[in-house]
Amino acid sequence: MGIFGKRKSREERAAEIANKVASGKGFYGRTTRAFVGGEDFAKLQGAIGAYNSGANVQQLLAMGAPTTVAVVVSISDTGQLVNFDPVVDLVVQPAGATDHNHGHSHGHVVLRTIVSKLAIPRAGDQVLLVADPAQPGGFLYAGMV
C-alpha cells in the first residue's frame, strides 16, 4: 500500500491502458489511433477484445459459471498473436443444436478467440463454452474438454 492509497498492480495498469488503446480514449488511445491506420487499428481492437474475452472466461469459470460442450466445425487462423498464442476464428456447434426435420445442422456459433498454441482445437474436437454475460445468447471459448 502506497502513501496515497492502494496502488494498482502492473497487470491491472496494463489492462487499463490496453482498454484505453482499444477504445481510442485517453492519451494512449488517441496517440495509437493517430499513428496507426484504420485497418491496423481495427486489428488491434480485435486482438485486445480476444484478450479480454479470455480474462472474462477465467473469472466466470472461477465463479462456477456453467459450461456447454460444443463440437468444432471449423477453425481458421486470423494471423494475429497475443502473447505468442494465436487468435483464431472458431465455428462450433453446441451440443443438441440440430434440425431433426431436414437433417441439416443449425445453431453454429462463430467465435474469435485466443487459443493456446499447445492445445489448438481441430475440426471434430469437443470444446467448452461459457455463456457471455455481456452479450445475451452469445458464448465465450473456455478451452478443450
C-alpha atoms as a PDB file:
ATOM      1  CA  MET A   1       0.000   0.000   0.000  1.00  0.00           C
ATOM      2  CA  GLY A   2       1.386   3.351  -1.002  1.00  0.00           C
ATOM      3  CA  ILE A   3       1.252   6.596   0.893  1.00  0.00           C
ATOM      4  CA  PHE A   4      -1.737   7.834  -1.091  1.00  0.00           C
ATOM      5  CA  GLY A   5      -3.807   4.646  -1.076  1.00  0.00           C
ATOM      6  CA  LYS A   6      -3.814   1.280  -2.763  1.00  0.00           C
ATOM      7  CA  ARG A   7      -1.659   1.133  -5.871  1.00  0.00           C
ATOM      8  CA  LYS A   8      -2.727  -0.864  -8.885  1.00  0.00           C
ATOM      9  CA  SER A   9      -0.641  -3.853  -9.862  1.00  0.00           C
ATOM     10  CA  ARG A  10       1.274  -3.801 -13.130  1.00  0.00           C
ATOM     11  CA  GLU A  11      -1.240  -6.223 -14.644  1.00  0.00           C
ATOM     12  CA  GLU A  12      -4.186  -4.015 -13.687  1.00  0.00           C
ATOM     13  CA  ARG A  13      -2.461  -0.928 -15.064  1.00  0.00           C
ATOM     14  CA  ALA A  14      -1.516  -2.719 -18.313  1.00  0.00           C
ATOM     15  CA  ALA A  15      -5.101  -3.958 -18.790  1.00  0.00           C
ATOM     16  CA  GLU A  16      -6.397  -0.433 -18.206  1.00  0.00           C
ATOM     17  CA  ILE A  17      -4.029   1.018 -20.819  1.00  0.00           C
ATOM     18  CA  ALA A  18      -4.896  -1.747 -23.300  1.00  0.00           C
ATOM     19  CA  ASN A  19      -8.608  -0.994 -22.910  1.00  0.00           C
ATOM     20  CA  LYS A  20      -7.990   2.718 -23.467  1.00  0.00           C
ATOM     21  CA  VAL A  21      -5.957   1.933 -26.582  1.00  0.00           C
ATOM     22  CA  ALA A  22      -8.692  -0.338 -27.942  1.00  0.00           C
ATOM     23  CA  SER A  23     -11.413   2.215 -27.291  1.00  0.00           C
ATOM     24  CA  GLY A  24      -9.352   5.094 -28.716  1.00  0.00           C
ATOM     25  CA  LYS A  25      -9.798   7.078 -25.497  1.00  0.00           C
ATOM     26  CA  GLY A  26      -7.224   8.788 -23.329  1.00  0.00           C
ATOM     27  CA  PHE A  27      -3.701   9.753 -24.300  1.00  0.00           C
ATOM     28  CA  TYR A  28      -2.644   6.235 -25.303  1.00  0.00           C
ATOM     29  CA  GLY A  29      -5.772   5.575 -27.326  1.00  0.00           C
ATOM     30  CA  ARG A  30      -5.704   8.856 -29.244  1.00  0.00           C
ATOM     31  CA  THR A  31      -1.978   8.552 -29.915  1.00  0.00           C
ATOM     32  CA  THR A  32      -2.329   4.995 -31.170  1.00  0.00           C
ATOM     33  CA  ARG A  33      -5.274   5.898 -33.388  1.00  0.00           C
ATOM     34  CA  ALA A  34      -3.296   8.844 -34.819  1.00  0.00           C
ATOM     35  CA  PHE A  35      -0.196   6.823 -35.698  1.00  0.00           C
ATOM     36  CA  VAL A  36      -1.830   3.563 -36.790  1.00  0.00           C
ATOM     37  CA  GLY A  37      -4.025   3.316 -39.864  1.00  0.00           C
ATOM     38  CA  GLY A  38      -7.714   2.461 -39.642  1.00  0.00           C
ATOM     39  CA  GLU A  39      -7.289  -1.157 -40.803  1.00  0.00           C
ATOM     40  CA  ASP A  40      -4.468  -1.842 -38.364  1.00  0.00           C
ATOM     41  CA  PHE A  41      -6.358  -0.116 -35.550  1.00  0.00           C
ATOM     42  CA  ALA A  42      -9.319  -2.449 -36.186  1.00  0.00           C
ATOM     43  CA  LYS A  43      -6.968  -5.456 -35.983  1.00  0.00           C
ATOM     44  CA  LEU A  44      -5.598  -4.099 -32.714  1.00  0.00           C
ATOM     45  CA  GLN A  45      -9.116  -3.734 -31.337  1.00  0.00           C
ATOM     46  CA  GLY A  46      -9.898  -7.327 -32.309  1.00  0.00           C
ATOM     47  CA  ALA A  47      -6.772  -8.668 -30.609  1.00  0.00           C
ATOM     48  CA  ILE A  48      -7.458  -6.750 -27.402  1.00  0.00           C
ATOM     49  CA  GLY A  49     -11.079  -7.920 -27.490  1.00  0.00           C
ATOM     50  CA  ALA A  50      -9.920 -11.527 -27.772  1.00  0.00           C
ATOM     51  CA  TYR A  51      -7.535 -10.996 -24.837  1.00  0.00           C
ATOM     52  CA  ASN A  52     -10.318  -9.516 -22.702  1.00  0.00           C
ATOM     53  CA  SER A  53     -12.691 -12.382 -23.507  1.00  0.00           C
ATOM     54  CA  GLY A  54     -10.052 -14.854 -22.280  1.00  0.00           C
ATOM     55  CA  ALA A  55      -9.721 -12.974 -18.998  1.00  0.00           C
ATOM     56  CA  ASN A  56     -13.512 -12.870 -18.616  1.00  0.00           C
ATOM     57  CA  VAL A  57     -13.765 -16.634 -19.155  1.00  0.00           C
ATOM     58  CA  GLN A  58     -11.255 -17.317 -16.386  1.00  0.00           C
ATOM     59  CA  GLN A  59     -13.285 -15.143 -13.994  1.00  0.00           C
ATOM     60  CA  LEU A  60     -16.559 -16.829 -14.973  1.00  0.00           C
ATOM     61  CA  LEU A  61     -15.098 -20.320 -14.507  1.00  0.00           C
ATOM     62  CA  ALA A  62     -13.687 -19.326 -11.112  1.00  0.00           C
ATOM     63  CA  MET A  63     -17.173 -18.173 -10.068  1.00  0.00           C
ATOM     64  CA  GLY A  64     -18.614 -21.546 -11.104  1.00  0.00           C
ATOM     65  CA  ALA A  65     -20.432 -20.499 -14.291  1.00  0.00           C
ATOM     66  CA  PRO A  66     -21.980 -23.461 -16.129  1.00  0.00           C
ATOM     67  CA  THR A  67     -20.265 -24.656 -19.302  1.00  0.00           C
ATOM     68  CA  THR A  68     -21.667 -26.060 -22.532  1.00  0.00           C
ATOM     69  CA  VAL A  69     -19.959 -28.726 -24.626  1.00  0.00           C
ATOM     70  CA  ALA A  70     -19.656 -27.964 -28.346  1.00  0.00           C
ATOM     71  CA  VAL A  71     -18.066 -29.619 -31.367  1.00  0.00           C
ATOM     72  CA  VAL A  72     -15.622 -27.677 -33.557  1.00  0.00           C
ATOM     73  CA  VAL A  73     -16.960 -27.426 -37.111  1.00  0.00           C
ATOM     74  CA  SER A  74     -14.043 -25.415 -38.496  1.00  0.00           C
ATOM     75  CA  ILE A  75     -11.109 -23.303 -37.376  1.00  0.00           C
ATOM     76  CA  SER A  76      -9.212 -20.601 -39.258  1.00  0.00           C
ATOM     77  CA  ASP A  77      -6.196 -18.513 -38.315  1.00  0.00           C
ATOM     78  CA  THR A  78      -6.532 -14.724 -38.255  1.00  0.00           C
ATOM     79  CA  GLY A  79      -2.766 -14.188 -38.404  1.00  0.00           C
ATOM     80  CA  GLN A  80      -2.794 -12.341 -35.076  1.00  0.00           C
ATOM     81  CA  LEU A  81      -0.890 -13.361 -31.946  1.00  0.00           C
ATOM     82  CA  VAL A  82      -1.469 -12.315 -28.343  1.00  0.00           C
ATOM     83  CA  ASN A  83       1.391 -13.292 -26.019  1.00  0.00           C
ATOM     84  CA  PHE A  84       2.582 -15.650 -28.774  1.00  0.00           C
ATOM     85  CA  ASP A  85      -0.761 -17.527 -28.755  1.00  0.00           C
ATOM     86  CA  PRO A  86      -2.820 -17.460 -31.976  1.00  0.00           C
ATOM     87  CA  VAL A  87      -6.113 -15.630 -32.352  1.00  0.00           C
ATOM     88  CA  VAL A  88      -8.452 -17.860 -34.358  1.00  0.00           C
ATOM     89  CA  ASP A  89     -11.981 -17.885 -35.722  1.00  0.00           C
ATOM     90  CA  LEU A  90     -13.788 -20.958 -34.399  1.00  0.00           C
ATOM     91  CA  VAL A  91     -17.070 -22.223 -35.784  1.00  0.00           C
ATOM     92  CA  VAL A  92     -18.631 -24.529 -33.213  1.00  0.00           C
ATOM     93  CA  GLN A  93     -21.938 -26.341 -32.809  1.00  0.00           C
ATOM     94  CA  PRO A  94     -23.242 -26.552 -29.245  1.00  0.00           C
ATOM     95  CA  ALA A  95     -24.485 -29.986 -28.198  1.00  0.00           C
ATOM     96  CA  GLY A  96     -28.129 -30.581 -29.159  1.00  0.00           C
ATOM     97  CA  ALA A  97     -28.300 -27.877 -31.871  1.00  0.00           C
ATOM     98  CA  THR A  98     -29.524 -29.924 -34.847  1.00  0.00           C
ATOM     99  CA  ASP A  99     -32.571 -29.691 -37.080  1.00  0.00           C
ATOM    100  CA  HIS A 100     -34.214 -33.107 -36.989  1.00  0.00           C
ATOM    101  CA  ASN A 101     -36.695 -32.314 -39.787  1.00  0.00           C
ATOM    102  CA  HIS A 102     -34.231 -31.894 -42.638  1.00  0.00           C
ATOM    103  CA  GLY A 103     -31.054 -33.424 -41.262  1.00  0.00           C
ATOM    104  CA  HIS A 104     -29.222 -30.094 -41.559  1.00  0.00           C
ATOM    105  CA  SER A 105     -27.393 -28.612 -38.643  1.00  0.00           C
ATOM    106  CA  HIS A 106     -28.030 -25.097 -37.474  1.00  0.00           C
ATOM    107  CA  GLY A 107     -27.066 -23.134 -34.439  1.00  0.00           C
ATOM    108  CA  HIS A 108     -23.414 -22.743 -35.396  1.00  0.00           C
ATOM    109  CA  VAL A 109     -21.626 -20.217 -33.235  1.00  0.00           C
ATOM    110  CA  VAL A 110     -18.706 -18.197 -34.611  1.00  0.00           C
ATOM    111  CA  LEU A 111     -16.107 -17.103 -32.047  1.00  0.00           C
ATOM    112  CA  ARG A 112     -12.916 -15.052 -32.390  1.00  0.00           C
ATOM    113  CA  THR A 113     -10.720 -16.133 -29.514  1.00  0.00           C
ATOM    114  CA  ILE A 114      -7.209 -16.829 -28.314  1.00  0.00           C
ATOM    115  CA  VAL A 115      -6.222 -20.496 -28.129  1.00  0.00           C
ATOM    116  CA  SER A 116      -3.142 -21.973 -26.547  1.00  0.00           C
ATOM    117  CA  LYS A 117      -0.583 -22.958 -29.154  1.00  0.00           C
ATOM    118  CA  LEU A 118      -0.130 -26.155 -27.134  1.00  0.00           C
ATOM    119  CA  ALA A 119      -3.828 -27.075 -27.359  1.00  0.00           C
ATOM    120  CA  ILE A 120      -5.239 -25.867 -30.680  1.00  0.00           C
ATOM    121  CA  PRO A 121      -8.620 -27.496 -31.331  1.00  0.00           C
ATOM    122  CA  ARG A 122      -9.230 -29.244 -34.653  1.00  0.00           C
ATOM    123  CA  ALA A 123     -12.444 -29.928 -36.540  1.00  0.00           C
ATOM    124  CA  GLY A 124     -14.395 -32.610 -34.680  1.00  0.00           C
ATOM    125  CA  ASP A 125     -12.832 -31.873 -31.262  1.00  0.00           C
ATOM    126  CA  GLN A 126     -15.053 -31.087 -28.287  1.00  0.00           C
ATOM    127  CA  VAL A 127     -14.607 -27.711 -26.569  1.00  0.00           C
ATOM    128  CA  LEU A 128     -16.224 -25.930 -23.651  1.00  0.00           C
ATOM    129  CA  LEU A 129     -18.246 -22.729 -23.990  1.00  0.00           C
ATOM    130  CA  VAL A 130     -19.442 -20.315 -21.317  1.00  0.00           C
ATOM    131  CA  ALA A 131     -22.444 -18.029 -21.758  1.00  0.00           C
ATOM    132  CA  ASP A 132     -21.316 -14.434 -22.365  1.00  0.00           C
ATOM    133  CA  PRO A 133     -22.916 -12.198 -19.714  1.00  0.00           C
ATOM    134  CA  ALA A 134     -22.184  -9.074 -21.783  1.00  0.00           C
ATOM    135  CA  GLN A 135     -23.954 -10.470 -24.861  1.00  0.00           C
ATOM    136  CA  PRO A 136     -27.131 -12.472 -24.143  1.00  0.00           C
ATOM    137  CA  GLY A 137     -27.276 -15.555 -26.353  1.00  0.00           C
ATOM    138  CA  GLY A 138     -23.520 -15.344 -27.021  1.00  0.00           C
ATOM    139  CA  PHE A 139     -20.751 -17.658 -25.922  1.00  0.00           C
ATOM    140  CA  LEU A 140     -17.091 -17.426 -24.927  1.00  0.00           C
ATOM    141  CA  TYR A 141     -14.465 -20.129 -25.600  1.00  0.00           C
ATOM    142  CA  ALA A 142     -13.421 -21.857 -22.356  1.00  0.00           C
ATOM    143  CA  GLY A 143     -10.901 -24.420 -23.616  1.00  0.00           C
ATOM    144  CA  MET A 144     -10.867 -28.018 -24.740  1.00  0.00           C
ATOM    145  CA  VAL A 145     -12.709 -30.841 -22.978  1.00  0.00           C
END
